[in-house]
Each structure stands twice: as structure tokens, then as C-alpha cells.
Amino acid sequence: MQTIQSYINENKDRFLNELIELLKIPSISADSAYKNDVLKTAEIIKTSLENAGCDHVEICETDGYPIVYGEKIINKDLPTVLVYGHYDVQPPDPLDLWNSPPFEPVIQKTELHPDGAIFARGACDDKGQMYMHVKALEYMTKNDELPCNVKFMIEGEEEVGSENLGIFVTNNREKLENDVILISDTGMIAKDVPSITTGLRGLSYVEVEVTGPNRDLHSGLYGGAVANPINVLTKMIATLHDDNNHITIPGFYDNVEHLSESERAEMAKAPFSLDSYKKALDIDAVYGEKGYTTNERNSIRPTLDVNGIWGGYIGEGAKTVIASKAYAKISMRLVPHQDWEEITELFKSHFESIAPDAVKVKVTPHHGGQGYVTPIDSIGYKAASKAYEQTFGKVPIPQRSGGSIPIVSLFEKELNSKTILMGFGLDSDAIHSPNEHFGIWNYLKGIETIPWFYKYFTELKK
């Protein structure tokens, strides 16, 4: 019987080549110009699951992009693991900041990845991490090492809010019935410091539009006499934080979870170098809410950030114009007990209230989701911890993440299941940014570790 290590060594090149071919497809769900590429990717995932050993695989149509569902049921009396992932990716912009084309994967060695890393959009988020589970299943089925049942639910709309996945889950509770949900769409502290994500922040994402005059105006003839929407918008945004970087929206913090000093002290035990953090980002100082550390600011505290702002003339040369409209996209990362729909409404009411009479304001909600915390005393967490300990040689650290996977809270509500977040990426992998990459070592380590989760979860459920 082959061990997982020997199977990986024997099939390493194939595992890498299959992922590289997947990364070549620009499955950008946010841009309808790439619709055929997204659909093509779904078909490839279907074939991959069939080849890996699933007995039944289907492409489930939705009002948006399809969901790939697969299953391998060996005994209905055994536990069932439901694997969730996504095959869509973020837009690659700005293209000029990539060192190589985003959909022409290249392998390069880096300081953190001496064995090489795959540079491509979606390498870490989430094609590379999702595909670890496909290859782990392949090993378990081909070597008769699958100890329990497994189901796959791989969607194509995670990067645009998973609206149709929520409908699918609600309408398919029996099909998706499981004992635990397993996701790899997060990271770990370092290659030599394994960690399991135990908390995710929620999200509220809105777009704002500020309208002044009914047309663009000559800045000489009208400047100083009418409101400039760009000036007004930037002033309004500037008031959303006070001097301590505290968010000023009334009621915003009413339901924020406040961790005890002992809990914060436990979090502080995670290895962290502020100097290395600043060096990696090429910044002279960190910045954030007063009274909290960097790791607390990006995990247990809510935030409000402008993700994009535009209006007026931005082409080459000069055009002296007062724009009729100005726009911004704004996201708020939320912590447990903050309801994203309530926060969206609080933002809308506040932003409209601070607008001067000289402009009109429109706030358009896009998508959002609730935060999530998984207990470290659950069977799923214990199984994941033992799996990491088996392959890393040390007990993983529980860690709250600053990221959001809005669908996780819905999984618990609709399927009554806890989610285990076994991520193998690193903070330096530049997800959502130019030059996204995923270490080859991390990719193969994930394939090695996942089968151990199945083993220990099945044993602990007995």
C-alpha cells in the first residue's frame, strides 16, 4: 500500500501540470466577457472529480454560474465530509503590476518558496487550494484509504458574493447532508507554524454615487459656484473615521464582540514580527484603530475601507472639468454578532445624512455575509489539529482570520454543520493582488495533510 508521501512523489509533476492547466483559464465571475471560460472551468472540475474517484458528479445549473457537485458514498452508516471550494477567480487588474501574465502560470523560486511557487491568478485563491482536495481524494480512492463518505460542492460565484449558492444550499439540504464541512480558502501563519482558522469576519459591500450638476461643467466658468461631486465625496469619506481611526457611523459598534484580555493574550502568542510585516509591505509604519495590535486590527476588529474611487477626467493630459458624478466602492469587514444587512442600512442612512444639500447621494448594496467562529473543542477541529500534527510535527495554532467567506455562516444555519478551515496559503501569497502565487511545497503539503483529517475525523466520530 502506497503512503501518501510516496504517492505525491510519484505524481508530483502531474499534480503540478494539472493545476497549471486549470490556472490558464480566466474564470473571472465578475466580468461577463469571461462567461465561457467560467463554464469551461466547471466542466474541467467535473472531469477531475470523476477521475479522482467520485461515483456521481453533476453540474448543477443556477441563475448564475453552475455548481459542480460530486460524491463518493462508501457506506451510509459512516460519517460524511462535505468539501466546499470555488473555481472562479478575481479580476487580475491592474495588469501592468504583474511580473508575468496572470493567466500564463510560471514557477519561480522566492525567499519564502525555495522549492518554487506558481504565479497566476487563482493559484492560492482558490484553485490551488480547492484542487488539493481533488488530489487527496484521488490518493484515498486509488489506495483504498477513504475511511468515510465525501461530497464536493465547488461553486463559480464566490468572488461575487455566492448569491446563487445560498439558494442551492437551501433547496438541497438532503443532497448536502453531512457531518462536517471542510474548506481550504484561508492561510496559515508560516510554513513552520501551522495554524487553523477559527474565525472569519463578515462583510458588507456597497457602492456610493454622488451627483452634482446635471452635466460635466467647465471648471473655470463654474468652479467655486457649484458643488464638485468628487470634492464632496472625498470629504464625506474622510468623516467616516475619527482621529483614532474609529468608525463614526452611529450604532456601528453596538453588537461588536469584545474579547477578554485573556483571549487577546492567547492570540498574542502567535509568532509575529512587526518589522518583517512592514518590510514585506514596504511601509514605514502600521496604521489602524487606536488601542489594538496589528493582528487584532486585521482579525477581531471591524473595518471600513474604500476599495475604489473614480469620477471626472482621468485620461492623458488635462481637461478642466467639474464632473457631474463621483463614485466609490466601500467594504466593511465585520466581526461576530454584527449583522451585515443591519450594518449596510446603518451605513446607507449615515452616508445620506452627511451629504450637503448641493448633491444627491445614492447607496447601492452589493453583497455581504455574516462572520463565523468555530469552536476548538469540536470533533472536526480536533481531527484537523491531529492531521496537522501528523504532517508538520507540531500542534497547529488556532487563529482568527481577517478575511470573509460569507457562505460559511449560511452552511451552519441551513445544514446544521460546523466548518473546518484548513488553509495552506501564506499572507504573502498576494491573493486578490498582482503576482498572486501558491508555493509548491504548500500545495503538496495540503494534499499530504487532508487524508489524515478524514482518518482522524472518522475515528473520533465513532
Protein backbone atom coordinates (compact mmCIF):
# COMPACT_ATOMS: atom_id res chain seq x y z
CA MET A 1 0.00 0.00 0.00
CA GLN A 2 1.45 3.34 -1.06
CA THR A 3 1.86 6.02 1.58
CA ILE A 4 0.59 9.48 0.79
CA GLN A 5 4.18 10.79 0.66
CA SER A 6 5.27 8.21 -1.91
CA TYR A 7 2.12 8.78 -3.97
CA ILE A 8 2.81 12.54 -4.04
CA ASN A 9 6.46 11.99 -5.01
CA GLU A 10 5.44 9.66 -7.81
CA ASN A 11 2.74 12.00 -9.15
CA LYS A 12 4.19 15.42 -8.30
CA ASP A 13 4.75 16.57 -11.88
CA ARG A 14 1.25 15.53 -12.92
CA PHE A 15 -0.31 17.26 -9.92
CA LEU A 16 1.50 20.48 -10.85
CA ASN A 17 0.71 20.25 -14.55
CA GLU A 18 -2.99 19.67 -13.91
CA LEU A 19 -3.15 22.73 -11.67
CA ILE A 20 -1.23 24.84 -14.17
CA GLU A 21 -3.69 23.92 -16.93
CA LEU A 22 -6.57 24.91 -14.63
CA LEU A 23 -4.91 28.24 -13.85
CA LYS A 24 -4.60 29.10 -17.54
CA ILE A 25 -8.37 29.57 -17.80
CA PRO A 26 -9.54 33.13 -16.88
CA SER A 27 -12.63 32.09 -14.90
CA ILE A 28 -13.46 35.65 -13.83
CA SER A 29 -17.02 35.62 -12.49
CA ALA A 30 -17.23 39.41 -12.10
CA ASP A 31 -16.84 40.06 -15.84
CA SER A 32 -19.43 38.63 -18.22
CA ALA A 33 -16.87 38.72 -21.03
CA TYR A 34 -15.35 35.59 -19.46
CA LYS A 35 -18.60 33.61 -19.19
CA ASN A 36 -17.43 30.82 -21.49
CA ASP A 37 -14.18 30.49 -19.54
CA VAL A 38 -16.06 30.15 -16.26
CA LEU A 39 -18.32 27.48 -17.76
CA LYS A 40 -15.31 25.67 -19.25
CA THR A 41 -13.68 25.57 -15.82
CA ALA A 42 -16.79 23.96 -14.31
CA GLU A 43 -16.57 21.19 -16.90
CA ILE A 44 -12.90 20.59 -16.10
CA ILE A 45 -13.66 20.35 -12.36
CA LYS A 46 -16.40 17.82 -13.14
CA THR A 47 -13.98 15.66 -15.11
CA SER A 48 -11.32 15.98 -12.40
CA LEU A 49 -13.71 14.76 -9.71
CA GLU A 50 -14.74 11.81 -11.88
CA ASN A 51 -11.10 10.90 -12.48
CA ALA A 52 -10.35 11.24 -8.77
CA GLY A 53 -12.91 8.58 -7.89
CA CYS A 54 -16.30 10.20 -7.35
CA ASP A 55 -19.10 7.80 -8.28
CA HIS A 56 -21.51 10.58 -9.15
CA VAL A 57 -20.69 14.07 -10.45
CA GLU A 58 -23.09 16.62 -11.90
CA ILE A 59 -23.09 20.24 -12.98
CA CYS A 60 -25.98 21.92 -11.20
CA GLU A 61 -27.34 24.94 -13.03
CA THR A 62 -28.25 28.12 -11.13
CA ASP A 63 -29.44 31.56 -12.18
CA GLY A 64 -25.76 32.43 -12.39
CA TYR A 65 -22.76 30.16 -12.80
CA PRO A 66 -23.15 26.43 -12.10
CA ILE A 67 -22.17 24.45 -9.04
CA VAL A 68 -20.17 21.26 -9.51
CA TYR A 69 -21.44 18.55 -7.15
CA GLY A 70 -19.72 15.22 -6.66
CA GLU A 71 -19.88 12.38 -4.16
CA LYS A 72 -18.26 9.12 -3.13
CA ILE A 73 -20.54 7.23 -0.75
CA ILE A 74 -18.91 4.06 0.54
CA ASN A 75 -21.22 3.34 3.48
CA LYS A 76 -24.20 5.41 4.59
CA ASP A 77 -23.50 4.44 8.19
CA LEU A 78 -20.13 6.20 8.06
CA PRO A 79 -19.57 9.95 8.57
CA THR A 80 -19.74 12.29 5.57
CA VAL A 81 -17.34 15.14 4.85
CA LEU A 82 -18.61 17.93 2.58
CA VAL A 83 -15.80 19.76 0.77
CA TYR A 84 -16.53 23.31 -0.39
CA GLY A 85 -14.41 25.37 -2.75
CA HIS A 86 -14.72 27.74 -5.69
CA TYR A 87 -13.39 27.74 -9.23
CA ASP A 88 -13.94 31.43 -10.07
CA VAL A 89 -11.19 34.00 -9.60
CA GLN A 90 -10.77 37.71 -9.01
CA PRO A 91 -10.14 40.07 -11.95
CA PRO A 92 -6.36 40.39 -12.48
CA ASP A 93 -6.24 44.20 -12.66
CA PRO A 94 -4.00 46.19 -12.60
CA LEU A 95 -2.28 44.15 -15.30
CA ASP A 96 0.79 46.38 -15.52
CA LEU A 97 1.80 45.39 -11.96
CA TRP A 98 2.12 41.69 -12.80
CA ASN A 99 5.64 40.40 -13.42
CA SER A 100 4.20 37.74 -15.73
CA PRO A 101 0.78 37.43 -17.43
CA PRO A 102 -1.84 36.42 -14.81
CA PHE A 103 -3.21 33.53 -16.87
CA GLU A 104 0.13 32.23 -18.12
CA PRO A 105 1.32 30.39 -14.97
CA VAL A 106 5.04 30.37 -14.24
CA ILE A 107 7.02 28.67 -11.48
CA GLN A 108 9.57 30.88 -9.74
CA LYS A 109 11.71 30.42 -6.65
CA THR A 110 11.36 33.02 -3.90
CA GLU A 111 12.86 33.57 -0.46
CA LEU A 112 9.79 32.01 1.18
CA HIS A 113 9.41 29.35 -1.52
CA PRO A 114 12.85 27.94 -2.36
CA ASP A 115 11.11 24.93 -3.95
CA GLY A 116 9.21 27.31 -6.22
CA ALA A 117 5.78 28.89 -6.33
CA ILE A 118 3.17 29.00 -9.08
CA PHE A 119 2.44 32.62 -10.07
CA ALA A 120 -1.03 33.04 -11.60
CA ARG A 121 -4.42 34.49 -10.75
CA GLY A 122 -6.29 31.92 -8.65
CA ALA A 123 -3.14 30.00 -7.71
CA CYS A 124 -3.94 30.25 -3.99
CA ASP A 125 -7.48 31.68 -4.07
CA ASP A 126 -8.89 29.17 -4.61
CA LYS A 127 -7.98 26.89 -7.49
CA GLY A 128 -4.77 25.61 -5.93
CA GLN A 129 -6.30 25.01 -2.51
CA MET A 130 -9.50 23.55 -3.91
CA TYR A 131 -7.54 21.18 -6.15
CA MET A 132 -5.60 19.81 -3.17
CA HIS A 133 -8.83 18.14 -2.09
CA VAL A 134 -9.36 16.58 -5.51
CA LYS A 135 -5.87 15.08 -5.47
CA ALA A 136 -6.24 13.95 -1.85
CA LEU A 137 -9.41 12.10 -2.85
CA GLU A 138 -7.56 10.55 -5.79
CA TYR A 139 -4.95 9.13 -3.42
CA MET A 140 -7.56 7.79 -0.99
CA THR A 141 -9.70 6.09 -3.65
CA LYS A 142 -6.82 4.59 -5.64
CA ASN A 143 -5.18 3.21 -2.50
CA ASP A 144 -8.37 2.13 -0.70
CA GLU A 145 -7.68 4.68 2.05
CA LEU A 146 -11.01 6.57 2.05
CA PRO A 147 -12.41 5.92 5.55
CA CYS A 148 -15.74 7.72 5.17
CA ASN A 149 -18.10 9.33 2.65
CA VAL A 150 -17.22 12.52 0.84
CA LYS A 151 -19.21 15.12 -1.08
CA PHE A 152 -17.93 18.06 -3.11
CA MET A 153 -19.66 21.37 -3.73
CA ILE A 154 -17.50 23.62 -5.93
CA GLU A 155 -19.07 26.92 -7.00
CA GLY A 156 -18.32 29.61 -9.57
CA GLU A 157 -19.55 32.76 -7.84
CA GLU A 158 -17.61 33.06 -4.58
CA GLU A 159 -15.79 36.17 -5.74
CA VAL A 160 -19.10 37.94 -6.45
CA GLY A 161 -21.00 37.05 -3.29
CA SER A 162 -22.24 33.44 -3.73
CA GLU A 163 -25.83 34.58 -4.14
CA ASN A 164 -26.96 31.50 -6.03
CA LEU A 165 -25.05 29.08 -3.82
CA GLY A 166 -27.21 30.15 -0.91
CA ILE A 167 -30.33 29.28 -2.88
CA PHE A 168 -28.80 25.96 -3.92
CA VAL A 169 -27.94 25.03 -0.33
CA THR A 170 -31.42 25.90 0.92
CA ASN A 171 -33.05 23.81 -1.82
CA ASN A 172 -30.71 20.81 -1.47
CA ARG A 173 -30.36 20.15 2.24
CA GLU A 174 -30.81 16.39 1.87
CA LYS A 175 -28.31 16.12 -1.01
CA LEU A 176 -25.74 18.10 1.01
CA GLU A 177 -26.33 16.35 4.35
CA ASN A 178 -23.01 15.91 6.13
CA ASP A 179 -21.22 15.61 9.45
CA VAL A 180 -18.63 18.34 8.86
CA ILE A 181 -17.74 20.85 6.16
CA LEU A 182 -14.13 21.16 5.06
CA ILE A 183 -12.78 24.27 3.31
CA SER A 184 -9.31 25.33 2.20
CA ASP A 185 -9.68 29.00 1.29
CA THR A 186 -7.63 30.50 4.11
CA GLY A 187 -3.99 30.52 5.14
CA MET A 188 -1.60 29.55 7.92
CA ILE A 189 0.87 31.61 9.91
CA ALA A 190 4.03 30.22 8.29
CA LYS A 191 5.38 27.07 6.68
CA ASP A 192 6.90 26.06 10.02
CA VAL A 193 3.98 27.40 12.10
CA PRO A 194 0.79 25.58 11.09
CA SER A 195 -2.49 27.16 12.11
CA ILE A 196 -6.21 26.53 11.74
CA THR A 197 -8.56 29.42 11.07
CA THR A 198 -11.22 29.50 13.77
CA GLY A 199 -12.93 32.76 12.90
CA LEU A 200 -13.89 34.76 9.81
CA ARG A 201 -15.08 38.33 9.56
CA GLY A 202 -18.39 39.18 7.95
CA LEU A 203 -18.72 41.59 5.05
CA SER A 204 -20.88 44.46 3.83
CA TYR A 205 -20.02 45.79 0.37
CA VAL A 206 -21.65 48.91 -1.09
CA GLU A 207 -21.24 51.34 -3.96
CA VAL A 208 -21.92 55.04 -3.50
CA GLU A 209 -22.78 57.62 -6.15
CA VAL A 210 -22.67 61.38 -5.59
CA THR A 211 -24.37 63.59 -8.19
CA GLY A 212 -23.96 67.35 -8.51
CA PRO A 213 -24.86 69.29 -11.67
CA ASN A 214 -26.78 67.59 -14.46
CA ARG A 215 -23.72 67.57 -16.74
CA ASP A 216 -19.96 67.98 -16.61
CA LEU A 217 -19.06 71.66 -16.28
CA HIS A 218 -16.18 73.94 -17.28
CA SER A 219 -14.13 74.36 -14.09
CA GLY A 220 -13.34 77.96 -14.94
CA LEU A 221 -16.88 79.11 -15.64
CA TYR A 222 -18.48 77.15 -12.80
CA GLY A 223 -15.66 76.41 -10.34
CA GLY A 224 -16.42 77.75 -6.88
CA ALA A 225 -20.09 78.28 -7.68
CA VAL A 226 -21.42 74.71 -7.72
CA ALA A 227 -20.58 71.63 -5.70
CA ASN A 228 -17.89 69.39 -7.13
CA PRO A 229 -19.07 65.79 -6.51
CA ILE A 230 -15.51 64.49 -6.29
CA ASN A 231 -14.58 67.07 -3.63
CA VAL A 232 -17.78 66.33 -1.73
CA LEU A 233 -17.35 62.56 -1.91
CA THR A 234 -13.79 62.66 -0.59
CA LYS A 235 -14.85 64.92 2.29
CA MET A 236 -17.72 62.59 3.17
CA ILE A 237 -15.44 59.56 3.12
CA ALA A 238 -12.90 61.38 5.30
CA THR A 239 -15.50 61.78 8.05
CA LEU A 240 -16.13 58.02 8.31
CA HIS A 241 -13.12 57.65 10.66
CA ASP A 242 -12.13 59.84 13.59
CA ASP A 243 -8.59 60.72 14.70
CA ASN A 244 -8.28 57.33 16.42
CA ASN A 245 -9.37 55.50 13.26
CA HIS A 246 -12.61 54.61 14.96
CA ILE A 247 -15.56 54.29 12.55
CA THR A 248 -18.02 57.13 13.11
CA ILE A 249 -21.25 55.54 11.85
CA PRO A 250 -23.79 55.71 14.73
CA GLY A 251 -24.59 52.22 16.04
CA PHE A 252 -21.77 50.56 14.09
CA TYR A 253 -20.12 49.07 17.20
CA ASP A 254 -23.29 48.22 19.13
CA ASN A 255 -23.01 44.45 18.65
CA VAL A 256 -19.25 44.08 18.25
CA GLU A 257 -17.82 41.10 20.11
CA HIS A 258 -15.25 42.27 22.66
CA LEU A 259 -12.67 39.63 23.52
CA SER A 260 -11.40 39.35 27.08
CA GLU A 261 -7.85 40.28 27.98
CA SER A 262 -7.05 36.59 28.45
CA GLU A 263 -8.33 35.76 24.96
CA ARG A 264 -6.30 38.62 23.49
CA ALA A 265 -3.25 37.36 25.37
CA GLU A 266 -3.70 33.90 23.81
CA MET A 267 -3.90 35.46 20.36
CA ALA A 268 -0.70 37.39 21.03
CA LYS A 269 1.22 34.13 21.44
CA ALA A 270 1.16 33.58 17.68
CA PRO A 271 4.58 34.36 16.17
CA PHE A 272 4.60 37.82 14.58
CA SER A 273 7.36 40.23 13.61
CA LEU A 274 6.21 43.80 13.12
CA ASP A 275 9.49 44.67 11.40
CA SER A 276 9.09 41.80 8.92
CA TYR A 277 5.47 42.77 8.34
CA LYS A 278 6.44 46.34 7.47
CA LYS A 279 9.36 45.21 5.34
CA ALA A 280 7.17 42.83 3.33
CA LEU A 281 4.75 45.65 2.55
CA ASP A 282 7.45 48.32 2.11
CA ILE A 283 5.84 50.64 4.67
CA ASP A 284 7.45 52.72 7.41
CA ALA A 285 4.65 52.34 9.95
CA VAL A 286 1.43 50.43 10.52
CA TYR A 287 -1.88 52.25 10.74
CA GLY A 288 -5.20 51.44 12.35
CA GLU A 289 -7.61 51.67 15.24
CA LYS A 290 -6.02 53.01 18.42
CA GLY A 291 -5.68 50.56 21.29
CA TYR A 292 -5.27 47.39 19.22
CA THR A 293 -2.32 45.48 17.81
CA THR A 294 -1.81 44.83 14.11
CA ASN A 295 -3.05 41.24 14.38
CA GLU A 296 -6.10 42.35 16.33
CA ARG A 297 -6.91 45.10 13.86
CA ASN A 298 -6.99 42.66 10.97
CA SER A 299 -8.95 39.91 12.68
CA ILE A 300 -11.13 40.73 15.71
CA ARG A 301 -11.98 44.37 14.91
CA PRO A 302 -14.37 45.66 12.23
CA THR A 303 -13.10 47.88 9.44
CA LEU A 304 -14.28 50.27 6.73
CA ASP A 305 -12.20 50.69 3.57
CA VAL A 306 -12.58 52.41 0.22
CA ASN A 307 -11.85 49.79 -2.44
CA GLY A 308 -12.11 52.10 -5.42
CA ILE A 309 -12.93 55.74 -6.19
CA TRP A 310 -13.44 57.46 -9.51
CA GLY A 311 -15.04 60.34 -11.40
CA GLY A 312 -14.17 63.13 -13.79
CA TYR A 313 -11.32 63.04 -16.28
CA ILE A 314 -8.50 60.55 -15.72
CA GLY A 315 -7.07 60.31 -19.24
CA GLU A 316 -3.76 61.60 -20.51
CA GLY A 317 -3.13 65.33 -20.32
CA ALA A 318 -5.52 67.86 -18.81
CA LYS A 319 -9.24 68.53 -19.04
CA THR A 320 -10.56 71.31 -16.82
CA VAL A 321 -13.88 69.84 -15.82
CA ILE A 322 -16.17 69.58 -12.81
CA ALA A 323 -17.65 66.09 -13.07
CA SER A 324 -21.37 65.56 -12.76
CA LYS A 325 -20.85 62.38 -10.76
CA ALA A 326 -18.34 60.71 -8.46
CA TYR A 327 -18.32 57.10 -7.27
CA ALA A 328 -16.72 54.87 -4.66
CA LYS A 329 -16.85 51.21 -3.69
CA ILE A 330 -16.66 50.64 0.05
CA SER A 331 -16.33 47.42 2.04
CA MET A 332 -16.82 46.85 5.74
CA ARG A 333 -15.33 43.77 7.38
CA LEU A 334 -17.47 42.76 10.33
CA VAL A 335 -16.91 40.69 13.46
CA PRO A 336 -19.21 38.12 15.09
CA HIS A 337 -22.64 39.44 16.16
CA GLN A 338 -22.58 42.29 13.62
CA ASP A 339 -25.40 41.62 11.15
CA TRP A 340 -24.27 42.59 7.66
CA GLU A 341 -27.71 43.71 6.49
CA GLU A 342 -28.14 45.90 9.57
CA ILE A 343 -24.68 47.41 9.08
CA THR A 344 -25.46 48.09 5.41
CA GLU A 345 -28.58 50.00 6.42
CA LEU A 346 -26.69 51.94 9.10
CA PHE A 347 -24.09 52.95 6.52
CA LYS A 348 -26.74 53.99 4.00
CA SER A 349 -28.63 56.15 6.49
CA HIS A 350 -25.49 57.79 7.81
CA PHE A 351 -23.89 58.44 4.43
CA GLU A 352 -27.06 60.03 3.10
CA SER A 353 -27.37 62.16 6.24
CA ILE A 354 -23.90 63.71 5.94
CA ALA A 355 -24.33 64.80 2.31
CA PRO A 356 -24.67 68.57 1.72
CA ASP A 357 -27.85 69.81 0.04
CA ALA A 358 -25.87 70.67 -3.09
CA VAL A 359 -25.57 66.99 -4.13
CA LYS A 360 -27.68 63.85 -4.34
CA VAL A 361 -26.43 60.57 -2.88
CA LYS A 362 -27.27 57.01 -3.89
CA VAL A 363 -26.06 53.98 -1.92
CA THR A 364 -26.30 50.60 -3.67
CA PRO A 365 -25.67 47.44 -1.58
CA HIS A 366 -23.81 44.72 -3.47
CA HIS A 367 -23.26 41.66 -1.28
CA GLY A 368 -22.33 40.62 2.20
CA GLY A 369 -22.33 37.90 4.79
CA GLN A 370 -22.07 37.15 8.49
CA GLY A 371 -18.93 36.45 10.49
CA TYR A 372 -18.20 32.97 11.80
CA VAL A 373 -16.42 31.32 14.72
CA THR A 374 -15.77 27.58 15.00
CA PRO A 375 -15.23 26.01 18.44
CA ILE A 376 -11.85 24.43 19.10
CA ASP A 377 -13.43 21.67 21.20
CA SER A 378 -15.37 20.23 18.24
CA ILE A 379 -14.55 16.84 16.72
CA GLY A 380 -13.78 18.50 13.41
CA TYR A 381 -11.23 20.87 14.91
CA LYS A 382 -9.60 18.08 16.92
CA ALA A 383 -9.31 15.94 13.76
CA ALA A 384 -7.76 18.83 11.83
CA SER A 385 -5.33 19.53 14.66
CA LYS A 386 -4.20 15.88 14.73
CA ALA A 387 -3.80 15.92 10.94
CA TYR A 388 -1.51 18.95 11.03
CA GLU A 389 0.43 17.47 13.91
CA GLN A 390 0.92 14.30 11.86
CA THR A 391 2.41 16.06 8.82
CA PHE A 392 4.02 19.18 10.36
CA GLY A 393 5.25 17.57 13.56
CA LYS A 394 3.69 20.24 15.77
CA VAL A 395 0.29 21.25 17.09
CA PRO A 396 -1.34 23.99 14.98
CA ILE A 397 -2.29 27.36 16.47
CA PRO A 398 -5.98 28.42 16.36
CA GLN A 399 -6.16 31.77 14.55
CA ARG A 400 -8.86 34.30 13.71
CA SER A 401 -8.75 35.50 10.10
CA GLY A 402 -9.49 38.96 8.76
CA GLY A 403 -10.96 37.54 5.58
CA SER A 404 -14.56 36.67 4.82
CA ILE A 405 -16.26 33.59 3.41
CA PRO A 406 -19.88 34.75 3.73
CA ILE A 407 -21.37 31.38 2.82
CA VAL A 408 -19.93 29.65 5.93
CA SER A 409 -22.49 31.09 8.33
CA LEU A 410 -25.28 30.02 5.97
CA PHE A 411 -23.87 26.48 5.92
CA GLU A 412 -24.33 26.25 9.67
CA LYS A 413 -27.82 27.72 9.52
CA GLU A 414 -29.11 25.57 6.65
CA LEU A 415 -27.10 22.36 7.06
CA ASN A 416 -26.55 22.43 10.82
CA SER A 417 -22.87 21.68 10.29
CA LYS A 418 -19.65 23.12 11.63
CA THR A 419 -17.00 24.21 9.16
CA ILE A 420 -13.29 23.45 9.50
CA LEU A 421 -10.98 25.85 7.69
CA MET A 422 -7.76 24.06 6.74
CA GLY A 423 -5.86 26.66 4.75
CA PHE A 424 -2.33 26.19 3.40
CA GLY A 425 -1.67 29.60 1.86
CA LEU A 426 0.53 32.34 3.31
CA ASP A 427 -0.21 36.02 3.87
CA SER A 428 2.50 36.81 1.34
CA ASP A 429 0.73 34.91 -1.47
CA ALA A 430 -0.83 38.15 -2.77
CA ILE A 431 -4.37 36.89 -3.21
CA HIS A 432 -6.62 39.49 -4.91
CA SER A 433 -3.40 41.31 -5.90
CA PRO A 434 -0.96 41.30 -8.80
CA ASN A 435 1.53 38.42 -8.71
CA GLU A 436 -0.69 36.05 -6.76
CA HIS A 437 1.13 32.80 -6.12
CA PHE A 438 0.98 29.50 -4.23
CA GLY A 439 4.02 27.62 -3.00
CA ILE A 440 4.59 24.17 -4.49
CA TRP A 441 5.55 22.96 -1.00
CA ASN A 442 2.27 24.31 0.39
CA TYR A 443 0.23 22.72 -2.40
CA LEU A 444 1.78 19.29 -1.87
CA LYS A 445 1.64 19.64 1.93
CA GLY A 446 -2.08 20.22 1.69
CA ILE A 447 -2.52 17.06 -0.38
CA GLU A 448 -0.49 15.17 2.23
CA THR A 449 -2.41 16.51 5.24
CA ILE A 450 -6.03 16.28 4.06
CA PRO A 451 -6.27 12.45 4.06
CA TRP A 452 -5.21 12.44 7.71
CA PHE A 453 -8.18 14.67 8.52
CA TYR A 454 -10.52 12.06 7.07
CA LYS A 455 -8.82 9.32 9.09
CA TYR A 456 -8.96 11.14 12.41
CA PHE A 457 -12.43 12.55 11.91
CA THR A 458 -13.83 9.10 11.20
CA GLU A 459 -12.09 7.66 14.25
CA LEU A 460 -13.29 10.45 16.56
CA LYS A 461 -16.89 10.16 15.31
CA LYS A 462 -17.13 6.51 16.30
